[in-house]
Full PDB file with SEQRES, HELIX, SHEET, SSBOND, CRYST1, ORIGX, SCALE, CONECT and MASTER records, all heavy atoms in Angstrom:
SEQRES   1 A   32  GLY ARG ASN TYR TRP TYR ARG TYR ILE GLU GLU ILE LEU          
SEQRES   2 A   32  ASP ARG LEU GLY LEU THR ALA GLU PRO VAL GLY ARG ALA          
SEQRES   3 A   32  VAL LEU ALA ASP PRO ALA                                      
HELIX    1 AA1 TRP A    5  TYR A    8  5                                   4    
HELIX    2 AA2 ILE A    9  ARG A   15  1                                   7    
HELIX    3 AA3 ARG A   25  ALA A   29  5                                   5    
CRYST1    1.000    1.000    1.000  90.00  90.00  90.00 P 1           1          
ORIGX1      1.000000  0.000000  0.000000        0.00000                         
ORIGX2      0.000000  1.000000  0.000000        0.00000                         
ORIGX3      0.000000  0.000000  1.000000        0.00000                         
SCALE1      1.000000  0.000000  0.000000        0.00000                         
SCALE2      0.000000  1.000000  0.000000        0.00000                         
SCALE3      0.000000  0.000000  1.000000        0.00000                         
ATOM      1  N   GLY A   1     -64.930   9.482  -7.617  1.00  0.00           N  
ATOM      2  CA  GLY A   1     -63.669   9.321  -6.911  1.00  0.00           C  
ATOM      3  C   GLY A   1     -62.747   8.273  -7.508  1.00  0.00           C  
ATOM      4  O   GLY A   1     -61.841   7.786  -6.827  1.00  0.00           O  
ATOM      5  N   ARG A   2     -62.951   7.936  -8.814  1.00  0.00           N  
ATOM      6  CA  ARG A   2     -62.128   6.917  -9.452  1.00  0.00           C  
ATOM      7  C   ARG A   2     -61.264   7.545 -10.537  1.00  0.00           C  
ATOM      8  O   ARG A   2     -61.634   8.549 -11.143  1.00  0.00           O  
ATOM      9  CB  ARG A   2     -63.003   5.828 -10.101  1.00  0.00           C  
ATOM     10  CG  ARG A   2     -63.938   5.115  -9.136  1.00  0.00           C  
ATOM     11  CD  ARG A   2     -64.557   3.898  -9.820  1.00  0.00           C  
ATOM     12  NE  ARG A   2     -65.163   4.225 -11.105  1.00  0.00           N  
ATOM     13  CZ  ARG A   2     -66.419   4.638 -11.272  1.00  0.00           C  
ATOM     14  NH1 ARG A   2     -67.202   4.776 -10.213  1.00  0.00           N  
ATOM     15  NH2 ARG A   2     -66.895   4.908 -12.472  1.00  0.00           N  
ATOM     16  N   ASN A   3     -60.120   6.941 -10.771  1.00  0.00           N  
ATOM     17  CA  ASN A   3     -59.300   7.333 -11.900  1.00  0.00           C  
ATOM     18  C   ASN A   3     -59.953   6.828 -13.190  1.00  0.00           C  
ATOM     19  O   ASN A   3     -60.533   5.743 -13.203  1.00  0.00           O  
ATOM     20  CB  ASN A   3     -57.899   6.710 -11.796  1.00  0.00           C  
ATOM     21  CG  ASN A   3     -57.029   7.399 -10.772  1.00  0.00           C  
ATOM     22  OD1 ASN A   3     -57.060   8.616 -10.650  1.00  0.00           O  
ATOM     23  ND2 ASN A   3     -56.257   6.631 -10.034  1.00  0.00           N  
ATOM     24  N   TYR A   4     -59.833   7.605 -14.235  1.00  0.00           N  
ATOM     25  CA  TYR A   4     -60.298   7.137 -15.547  1.00  0.00           C  
ATOM     26  C   TYR A   4     -59.062   6.746 -16.328  1.00  0.00           C  
ATOM     27  O   TYR A   4     -58.491   7.533 -17.066  1.00  0.00           O  
ATOM     28  CB  TYR A   4     -61.084   8.232 -16.267  1.00  0.00           C  
ATOM     29  CG  TYR A   4     -61.744   7.734 -17.538  1.00  0.00           C  
ATOM     30  CD1 TYR A   4     -62.648   6.677 -17.506  1.00  0.00           C  
ATOM     31  CD2 TYR A   4     -61.453   8.308 -18.775  1.00  0.00           C  
ATOM     32  CE1 TYR A   4     -63.241   6.203 -18.671  1.00  0.00           C  
ATOM     33  CE2 TYR A   4     -62.051   7.851 -19.940  1.00  0.00           C  
ATOM     34  CZ  TYR A   4     -62.942   6.789 -19.871  1.00  0.00           C  
ATOM     35  OH  TYR A   4     -63.536   6.311 -21.020  1.00  0.00           O  
ATOM     36  N   TRP A   5     -58.628   5.502 -16.165  1.00  0.00           N  
ATOM     37  CA  TRP A   5     -57.351   5.041 -16.689  1.00  0.00           C  
ATOM     38  C   TRP A   5     -57.251   5.149 -18.204  1.00  0.00           C  
ATOM     39  O   TRP A   5     -56.154   5.369 -18.747  1.00  0.00           O  
ATOM     40  CB  TRP A   5     -57.126   3.593 -16.250  1.00  0.00           C  
ATOM     41  CG  TRP A   5     -57.125   3.411 -14.770  1.00  0.00           C  
ATOM     42  CD1 TRP A   5     -58.126   2.877 -14.001  1.00  0.00           C  
ATOM     43  CD2 TRP A   5     -56.085   3.767 -13.865  1.00  0.00           C  
ATOM     44  NE1 TRP A   5     -57.771   2.876 -12.677  1.00  0.00           N  
ATOM     45  CE2 TRP A   5     -56.521   3.423 -12.566  1.00  0.00           C  
ATOM     46  CE3 TRP A   5     -54.824   4.342 -14.014  1.00  0.00           C  
ATOM     47  CZ2 TRP A   5     -55.737   3.629 -11.438  1.00  0.00           C  
ATOM     48  CZ3 TRP A   5     -54.035   4.552 -12.898  1.00  0.00           C  
ATOM     49  CH2 TRP A   5     -54.496   4.199 -11.632  1.00  0.00           C  
ATOM     50  N   TYR A   6     -58.347   4.968 -18.886  1.00  0.00           N  
ATOM     51  CA  TYR A   6     -58.312   4.950 -20.344  1.00  0.00           C  
ATOM     52  C   TYR A   6     -57.830   6.281 -20.919  1.00  0.00           C  
ATOM     53  O   TYR A   6     -57.344   6.334 -22.047  1.00  0.00           O  
ATOM     54  CB  TYR A   6     -59.695   4.590 -20.885  1.00  0.00           C  
ATOM     55  CG  TYR A   6     -59.755   4.463 -22.390  1.00  0.00           C  
ATOM     56  CD1 TYR A   6     -59.043   3.468 -23.058  1.00  0.00           C  
ATOM     57  CD2 TYR A   6     -60.522   5.339 -23.149  1.00  0.00           C  
ATOM     58  CE1 TYR A   6     -59.094   3.353 -24.438  1.00  0.00           C  
ATOM     59  CE2 TYR A   6     -60.588   5.230 -24.526  1.00  0.00           C  
ATOM     60  CZ  TYR A   6     -59.871   4.238 -25.166  1.00  0.00           C  
ATOM     61  OH  TYR A   6     -59.933   4.135 -26.532  1.00  0.00           O  
ATOM     62  N   ARG A   7     -57.921   7.340 -20.139  1.00  0.00           N  
ATOM     63  CA  ARG A   7     -57.443   8.652 -20.614  1.00  0.00           C  
ATOM     64  C   ARG A   7     -55.961   8.574 -21.019  1.00  0.00           C  
ATOM     65  O   ARG A   7     -55.496   9.330 -21.884  1.00  0.00           O  
ATOM     66  CB  ARG A   7     -57.651   9.695 -19.511  1.00  0.00           C  
ATOM     67  CG  ARG A   7     -57.166  11.102 -19.860  1.00  0.00           C  
ATOM     68  CD  ARG A   7     -57.939  11.654 -21.059  1.00  0.00           C  
ATOM     69  NE  ARG A   7     -57.449  12.937 -21.491  1.00  0.00           N  
ATOM     70  CZ  ARG A   7     -57.975  14.102 -21.129  1.00  0.00           C  
ATOM     71  NH1 ARG A   7     -59.006  14.124 -20.299  1.00  0.00           N  
ATOM     72  NH2 ARG A   7     -57.498  15.240 -21.566  1.00  0.00           N  
ATOM     73  N   TYR A   8     -55.243   7.639 -20.405  1.00  0.00           N  
ATOM     74  CA  TYR A   8     -53.808   7.524 -20.664  1.00  0.00           C  
ATOM     75  C   TYR A   8     -53.507   6.983 -22.057  1.00  0.00           C  
ATOM     76  O   TYR A   8     -52.359   7.009 -22.499  1.00  0.00           O  
ATOM     77  CB  TYR A   8     -53.184   6.613 -19.598  1.00  0.00           C  
ATOM     78  CG  TYR A   8     -51.680   6.662 -19.526  1.00  0.00           C  
ATOM     79  CD1 TYR A   8     -51.012   7.875 -19.309  1.00  0.00           C  
ATOM     80  CD2 TYR A   8     -50.917   5.520 -19.673  1.00  0.00           C  
ATOM     81  CE1 TYR A   8     -49.630   7.922 -19.250  1.00  0.00           C  
ATOM     82  CE2 TYR A   8     -49.534   5.551 -19.607  1.00  0.00           C  
ATOM     83  CZ  TYR A   8     -48.896   6.758 -19.393  1.00  0.00           C  
ATOM     84  OH  TYR A   8     -47.523   6.797 -19.334  1.00  0.00           O  
ATOM     85  N   ILE A   9     -54.527   6.517 -22.771  1.00  0.00           N  
ATOM     86  CA  ILE A   9     -54.294   5.982 -24.109  1.00  0.00           C  
ATOM     87  C   ILE A   9     -53.680   7.042 -25.023  1.00  0.00           C  
ATOM     88  O   ILE A   9     -52.881   6.726 -25.908  1.00  0.00           O  
ATOM     89  CB  ILE A   9     -55.611   5.423 -24.725  1.00  0.00           C  
ATOM     90  CG1 ILE A   9     -55.318   4.606 -25.999  1.00  0.00           C  
ATOM     91  CG2 ILE A   9     -56.596   6.537 -25.021  1.00  0.00           C  
ATOM     92  CD1 ILE A   9     -54.506   3.369 -25.768  1.00  0.00           C  
ATOM     93  N   GLU A  10     -54.016   8.297 -24.797  1.00  0.00           N  
ATOM     94  CA  GLU A  10     -53.463   9.379 -25.612  1.00  0.00           C  
ATOM     95  C   GLU A  10     -51.942   9.431 -25.468  1.00  0.00           C  
ATOM     96  O   GLU A  10     -51.215   9.547 -26.465  1.00  0.00           O  
ATOM     97  CB  GLU A  10     -54.071  10.714 -25.197  1.00  0.00           C  
ATOM     98  CG  GLU A  10     -55.569  10.806 -25.381  1.00  0.00           C  
ATOM     99  CD  GLU A  10     -56.134  12.114 -24.859  1.00  0.00           C  
ATOM    100  OE1 GLU A  10     -55.335  12.994 -24.467  1.00  0.00           O  
ATOM    101  OE2 GLU A  10     -57.362  12.265 -24.844  1.00  0.00           O  
ATOM    102  N   GLU A  11     -51.454   9.332 -24.228  1.00  0.00           N  
ATOM    103  CA  GLU A  11     -50.010   9.401 -24.002  1.00  0.00           C  
ATOM    104  C   GLU A  11     -49.308   8.148 -24.523  1.00  0.00           C  
ATOM    105  O   GLU A  11     -48.200   8.219 -25.049  1.00  0.00           O  
ATOM    106  CB  GLU A  11     -49.704   9.593 -22.519  1.00  0.00           C  
ATOM    107  CG  GLU A  11     -48.224   9.813 -22.254  1.00  0.00           C  
ATOM    108  CD  GLU A  11     -47.927  10.285 -20.848  1.00  0.00           C  
ATOM    109  OE1 GLU A  11     -48.850  10.840 -20.199  1.00  0.00           O  
ATOM    110  OE2 GLU A  11     -46.790  10.104 -20.393  1.00  0.00           O  
ATOM    111  N   ILE A  12     -49.948   6.990 -24.386  1.00  0.00           N  
ATOM    112  CA  ILE A  12     -49.359   5.759 -24.898  1.00  0.00           C  
ATOM    113  C   ILE A  12     -49.140   5.866 -26.404  1.00  0.00           C  
ATOM    114  O   ILE A  12     -48.067   5.548 -26.928  1.00  0.00           O  
ATOM    115  CB  ILE A  12     -50.252   4.555 -24.566  1.00  0.00           C  
ATOM    116  CG1 ILE A  12     -50.276   4.298 -23.055  1.00  0.00           C  
ATOM    117  CG2 ILE A  12     -49.775   3.305 -25.302  1.00  0.00           C  
ATOM    118  CD1 ILE A  12     -51.263   3.239 -22.636  1.00  0.00           C  
ATOM    119  N   LEU A  13     -50.165   6.314 -27.106  1.00  0.00           N  
ATOM    120  CA  LEU A  13     -50.054   6.451 -28.560  1.00  0.00           C  
ATOM    121  C   LEU A  13     -48.975   7.470 -28.936  1.00  0.00           C  
ATOM    122  O   LEU A  13     -48.211   7.263 -29.881  1.00  0.00           O  
ATOM    123  CB  LEU A  13     -51.403   6.860 -29.150  1.00  0.00           C  
ATOM    124  CG  LEU A  13     -52.498   5.785 -29.095  1.00  0.00           C  
ATOM    125  CD1 LEU A  13     -53.860   6.396 -29.402  1.00  0.00           C  
ATOM    126  CD2 LEU A  13     -52.188   4.655 -30.061  1.00  0.00           C  
ATOM    127  N   ASP A  14     -48.904   8.557 -28.170  1.00  0.00           N  
ATOM    128  CA  ASP A  14     -47.903   9.583 -28.439  1.00  0.00           C  
ATOM    129  C   ASP A  14     -46.502   9.026 -28.251  1.00  0.00           C  
ATOM    130  O   ASP A  14     -45.598   9.289 -29.055  1.00  0.00           O  
ATOM    131  CB  ASP A  14     -48.139  10.778 -27.509  1.00  0.00           C  
ATOM    132  CG  ASP A  14     -47.188  11.924 -27.806  1.00  0.00           C  
ATOM    133  OD1 ASP A  14     -47.239  12.481 -28.915  1.00  0.00           O  
ATOM    134  OD2 ASP A  14     -46.375  12.259 -26.916  1.00  0.00           O  
ATOM    135  N   ARG A  15     -46.305   8.237 -27.205  1.00  0.00           N  
ATOM    136  CA  ARG A  15     -44.983   7.652 -26.956  1.00  0.00           C  
ATOM    137  C   ARG A  15     -44.598   6.648 -28.034  1.00  0.00           C  
ATOM    138  O   ARG A  15     -43.411   6.432 -28.289  1.00  0.00           O  
ATOM    139  CB  ARG A  15     -44.961   6.979 -25.578  1.00  0.00           C  
ATOM    140  CG  ARG A  15     -45.038   7.967 -24.431  1.00  0.00           C  
ATOM    141  CD  ARG A  15     -44.772   7.301 -23.112  1.00  0.00           C  
ATOM    142  NE  ARG A  15     -44.817   8.248 -22.009  1.00  0.00           N  
ATOM    143  CZ  ARG A  15     -44.276   8.030 -20.824  1.00  0.00           C  
ATOM    144  NH1 ARG A  15     -43.664   6.892 -20.579  1.00  0.00           N  
ATOM    145  NH2 ARG A  15     -44.367   8.934 -19.863  1.00  0.00           N  
ATOM    146  N   LEU A  16     -45.592   6.030 -28.631  1.00  0.00           N  
ATOM    147  CA  LEU A  16     -45.329   5.098 -29.728  1.00  0.00           C  
ATOM    148  C   LEU A  16     -45.112   5.819 -31.060  1.00  0.00           C  
ATOM    149  O   LEU A  16     -44.808   5.188 -32.068  1.00  0.00           O  
ATOM    150  CB  LEU A  16     -46.502   4.116 -29.868  1.00  0.00           C  
ATOM    151  CG  LEU A  16     -46.656   3.094 -28.741  1.00  0.00           C  
ATOM    152  CD1 LEU A  16     -47.972   2.330 -28.901  1.00  0.00           C  
ATOM    153  CD2 LEU A  16     -45.478   2.126 -28.709  1.00  0.00           C  
ATOM    154  N   GLY A  17     -45.285   7.130 -31.033  1.00  0.00           N  
ATOM    155  CA  GLY A  17     -45.108   7.906 -32.260  1.00  0.00           C  
ATOM    156  C   GLY A  17     -46.268   7.767 -33.225  1.00  0.00           C  
ATOM    157  O   GLY A  17     -46.103   7.971 -34.430  1.00  0.00           O  
ATOM    158  N   LEU A  18     -47.457   7.454 -32.682  1.00  0.00           N  
ATOM    159  CA  LEU A  18     -48.624   7.233 -33.529  1.00  0.00           C  
ATOM    160  C   LEU A  18     -49.589   8.414 -33.432  1.00  0.00           C  
ATOM    161  O   LEU A  18     -49.890   8.895 -32.332  1.00  0.00           O  
ATOM    162  CB  LEU A  18     -49.346   5.953 -33.105  1.00  0.00           C  
ATOM    163  CG  LEU A  18     -48.545   4.659 -33.259  1.00  0.00           C  
ATOM    164  CD1 LEU A  18     -49.313   3.498 -32.649  1.00  0.00           C  
ATOM    165  CD2 LEU A  18     -48.243   4.382 -34.730  1.00  0.00           C  
ATOM    166  N   THR A  19     -50.053   8.860 -34.548  1.00  0.00           N  
ATOM    167  CA  THR A  19     -51.068   9.910 -34.594  1.00  0.00           C  
ATOM    168  C   THR A  19     -52.442   9.243 -34.626  1.00  0.00           C  
ATOM    169  O   THR A  19     -52.687   8.361 -35.444  1.00  0.00           O  
ATOM    170  CB  THR A  19     -50.894  10.782 -35.845  1.00  0.00           C  
ATOM    171  OG1 THR A  19     -49.598  11.407 -35.801  1.00  0.00           O  
ATOM    172  CG2 THR A  19     -51.977  11.853 -35.917  1.00  0.00           C  
ATOM    173  N   ALA A  20     -53.313   9.647 -33.718  1.00  0.00           N  
ATOM    174  CA  ALA A  20     -54.641   9.033 -33.638  1.00  0.00           C  
ATOM    175  C   ALA A  20     -55.681  10.102 -33.350  1.00  0.00           C  
ATOM    176  O   ALA A  20     -55.390  11.139 -32.760  1.00  0.00           O  
ATOM    177  CB  ALA A  20     -54.673   7.963 -32.559  1.00  0.00           C  
ATOM    178  N   GLU A  21     -56.892   9.821 -33.774  1.00  0.00           N  
ATOM    179  CA  GLU A  21     -57.994  10.765 -33.616  1.00  0.00           C  
ATOM    180  C   GLU A  21     -59.020  10.221 -32.620  1.00  0.00           C  
ATOM    181  O   GLU A  21     -59.448   9.075 -32.740  1.00  0.00           O  
ATOM    182  CB  GLU A  21     -58.673  10.993 -34.967  1.00  0.00           C  
ATOM    183  CG  GLU A  21     -59.847  11.956 -34.928  1.00  0.00           C  
ATOM    184  CD  GLU A  21     -60.461  12.160 -36.293  1.00  0.00           C  
ATOM    185  OE1 GLU A  21     -59.748  12.000 -37.305  1.00  0.00           O  
ATOM    186  OE2 GLU A  21     -61.676  12.469 -36.348  1.00  0.00           O  
ATOM    187  N   PRO A  22     -59.427  11.035 -31.635  1.00  0.00           N  
ATOM    188  CA  PRO A  22     -60.485  10.577 -30.732  1.00  0.00           C  
ATOM    189  C   PRO A  22     -61.842  10.621 -31.424  1.00  0.00           C  
ATOM    190  O   PRO A  22     -62.132  11.553 -32.180  1.00  0.00           O  
ATOM    191  CB  PRO A  22     -60.422  11.585 -29.578  1.00  0.00           C  
ATOM    192  CG  PRO A  22     -59.870  12.831 -30.202  1.00  0.00           C  
ATOM    193  CD  PRO A  22     -58.923  12.367 -31.271  1.00  0.00           C  
ATOM    194  N   VAL A  23     -62.655   9.601 -31.189  1.00  0.00           N  
ATOM    195  CA  VAL A  23     -64.008   9.567 -31.752  1.00  0.00           C  
ATOM    196  C   VAL A  23     -64.983   9.163 -30.639  1.00  0.00           C  
ATOM    197  O   VAL A  23     -64.627   8.414 -29.730  1.00  0.00           O  
ATOM    198  CB  VAL A  23     -64.124   8.570 -32.930  1.00  0.00           C  
ATOM    199  CG1 VAL A  23     -63.265   9.027 -34.102  1.00  0.00           C  
ATOM    200  CG2 VAL A  23     -63.742   7.157 -32.515  1.00  0.00           C  
ATOM    201  N   GLY A  24     -66.202   9.649 -30.715  1.00  0.00           N  
ATOM    202  CA  GLY A  24     -67.211   9.322 -29.724  1.00  0.00           C  
ATOM    203  C   GLY A  24     -67.779   7.923 -29.918  1.00  0.00           C  
ATOM    204  O   GLY A  24     -67.592   7.293 -30.967  1.00  0.00           O  
ATOM    205  N   ARG A  25     -68.502   7.440 -28.918  1.00  0.00           N  
ATOM    206  CA  ARG A  25     -69.070   6.087 -28.973  1.00  0.00           C  
ATOM    207  C   ARG A  25     -70.018   5.919 -30.155  1.00  0.00           C  
ATOM    208  O   ARG A  25     -70.168   4.805 -30.669  1.00  0.00           O  
ATOM    209  CB  ARG A  25     -69.818   5.772 -27.666  1.00  0.00           C  
ATOM    210  CG  ARG A  25     -68.938   5.771 -26.449  1.00  0.00           C  
ATOM    211  CD  ARG A  25     -69.615   5.152 -25.244  1.00  0.00           C  
ATOM    212  NE  ARG A  25     -70.773   5.858 -24.740  1.00  0.00           N  
ATOM    213  CZ  ARG A  25     -70.736   6.898 -23.930  1.00  0.00           C  
ATOM    214  NH1 ARG A  25     -69.576   7.414 -23.562  1.00  0.00           N  
ATOM    215  NH2 ARG A  25     -71.857   7.451 -23.486  1.00  0.00           N  
ATOM    216  N   ALA A  26     -70.659   6.995 -30.588  1.00  0.00           N  
ATOM    217  CA  ALA A  26     -71.611   6.892 -31.694  1.00  0.00           C  
ATOM    218  C   ALA A  26     -70.964   6.342 -32.957  1.00  0.00           C  
ATOM    219  O   ALA A  26     -71.620   5.678 -33.761  1.00  0.00           O  
ATOM    220  CB  ALA A  26     -72.237   8.259 -31.978  1.00  0.00           C  
ATOM    221  N   VAL A  27     -69.664   6.583 -33.133  1.00  0.00           N  
ATOM    222  CA  VAL A  27     -68.970   6.108 -34.336  1.00  0.00           C  
ATOM    223  C   VAL A  27     -68.951   4.580 -34.393  1.00  0.00           C  
ATOM    224  O   VAL A  27     -68.879   3.996 -35.484  1.00  0.00           O  
ATOM    225  CB  VAL A  27     -67.529   6.678 -34.378  1.00  0.00           C  
ATOM    226  CG1 VAL A  27     -66.697   6.008 -35.459  1.00  0.00           C  
ATOM    227  CG2 VAL A  27     -67.572   8.179 -34.610  1.00  0.00           C  
ATOM    228  N   LEU A  28     -69.026   3.916 -33.249  1.00  0.00           N  
ATOM    229  CA  LEU A  28     -68.965   2.454 -33.219  1.00  0.00           C  
ATOM    230  C   LEU A  28     -70.117   1.811 -33.986  1.00  0.00           C  
ATOM    231  O   LEU A  28     -70.017   0.657 -34.400  1.00  0.00           O  
ATOM    232  CB  LEU A  28     -68.971   1.946 -31.771  1.00  0.00           C  
ATOM    233  CG  LEU A  28     -67.851   2.464 -30.863  1.00  0.00           C  
ATOM    234  CD1 LEU A  28     -67.965   1.827 -29.480  1.00  0.00           C  
ATOM    235  CD2 LEU A  28     -66.484   2.201 -31.468  1.00  0.00           C  
ATOM    236  N   ALA A  29     -71.192   2.546 -34.177  1.00  0.00           N  
ATOM    237  CA  ALA A  29     -72.348   2.016 -34.905  1.00  0.00           C  
ATOM    238  C   ALA A  29     -72.566   2.747 -36.228  1.00  0.00           C  
ATOM    239  O   ALA A  29     -73.624   2.608 -36.842  1.00  0.00           O  
ATOM    240  CB  ALA A  29     -73.603   2.130 -34.039  1.00  0.00           C  
ATOM    241  N   ASP A  30     -71.561   3.497 -36.658  1.00  0.00           N  
ATOM    242  CA  ASP A  30     -71.683   4.327 -37.859  1.00  0.00           C  
ATOM    243  C   ASP A  30     -70.738   3.815 -38.951  1.00  0.00           C  
ATOM    244  O   ASP A  30     -69.533   4.085 -38.909  1.00  0.00           O  
ATOM    245  CB  ASP A  30     -71.351   5.777 -37.508  1.00  0.00           C  
ATOM    246  CG  ASP A  30     -71.396   6.697 -38.724  1.00  0.00           C  
ATOM    247  OD1 ASP A  30     -71.864   6.261 -39.791  1.00  0.00           O  
ATOM    248  OD2 ASP A  30     -70.950   7.859 -38.594  1.00  0.00           O  
ATOM    249  N   PRO A  31     -71.235   3.059 -39.925  1.00  0.00           N  
ATOM    250  CA  PRO A  31     -70.357   2.517 -40.971  1.00  0.00           C  
ATOM    251  C   PRO A  31     -69.545   3.588 -41.695  1.00  0.00           C  
ATOM    252  O   PRO A  31     -68.362   3.371 -41.991  1.00  0.00           O  
ATOM    253  CB  PRO A  31     -71.342   1.820 -41.925  1.00  0.00           C  
ATOM    254  CG  PRO A  31     -72.502   1.446 -41.046  1.00  0.00           C  
ATOM    255  CD  PRO A  31     -72.627   2.587 -40.082  1.00  0.00           C  
ATOM    256  N   ALA A  32     -70.142   4.724 -41.966  1.00  0.00           N  
ATOM    257  CA  ALA A  32     -69.422   5.789 -42.673  1.00  0.00           C  
ATOM    258  C   ALA A  32     -68.302   6.356 -41.807  1.00  0.00           C  
ATOM    259  O   ALA A  32     -67.203   6.656 -42.291  1.00  0.00           O  
ATOM    260  CB  ALA A  32     -70.390   6.897 -43.077  1.00  0.00           C  
TER     261      ALA A  32                                                      
MASTER        0    0    0    3    0    0    0    6  260    1    0    3          
END                                                                             
C-alpha cells in the first residue's frame, strides 16, 4: 500500500533531456 517514489526517476531524467539505462541491483557488484 505504499508509493514507490523512485519510479519517478525515469521522468526526472527525461525532463532533464538525459538518456539513461535501467540496470538491476546485481550490476552494483559487477565490475564489467
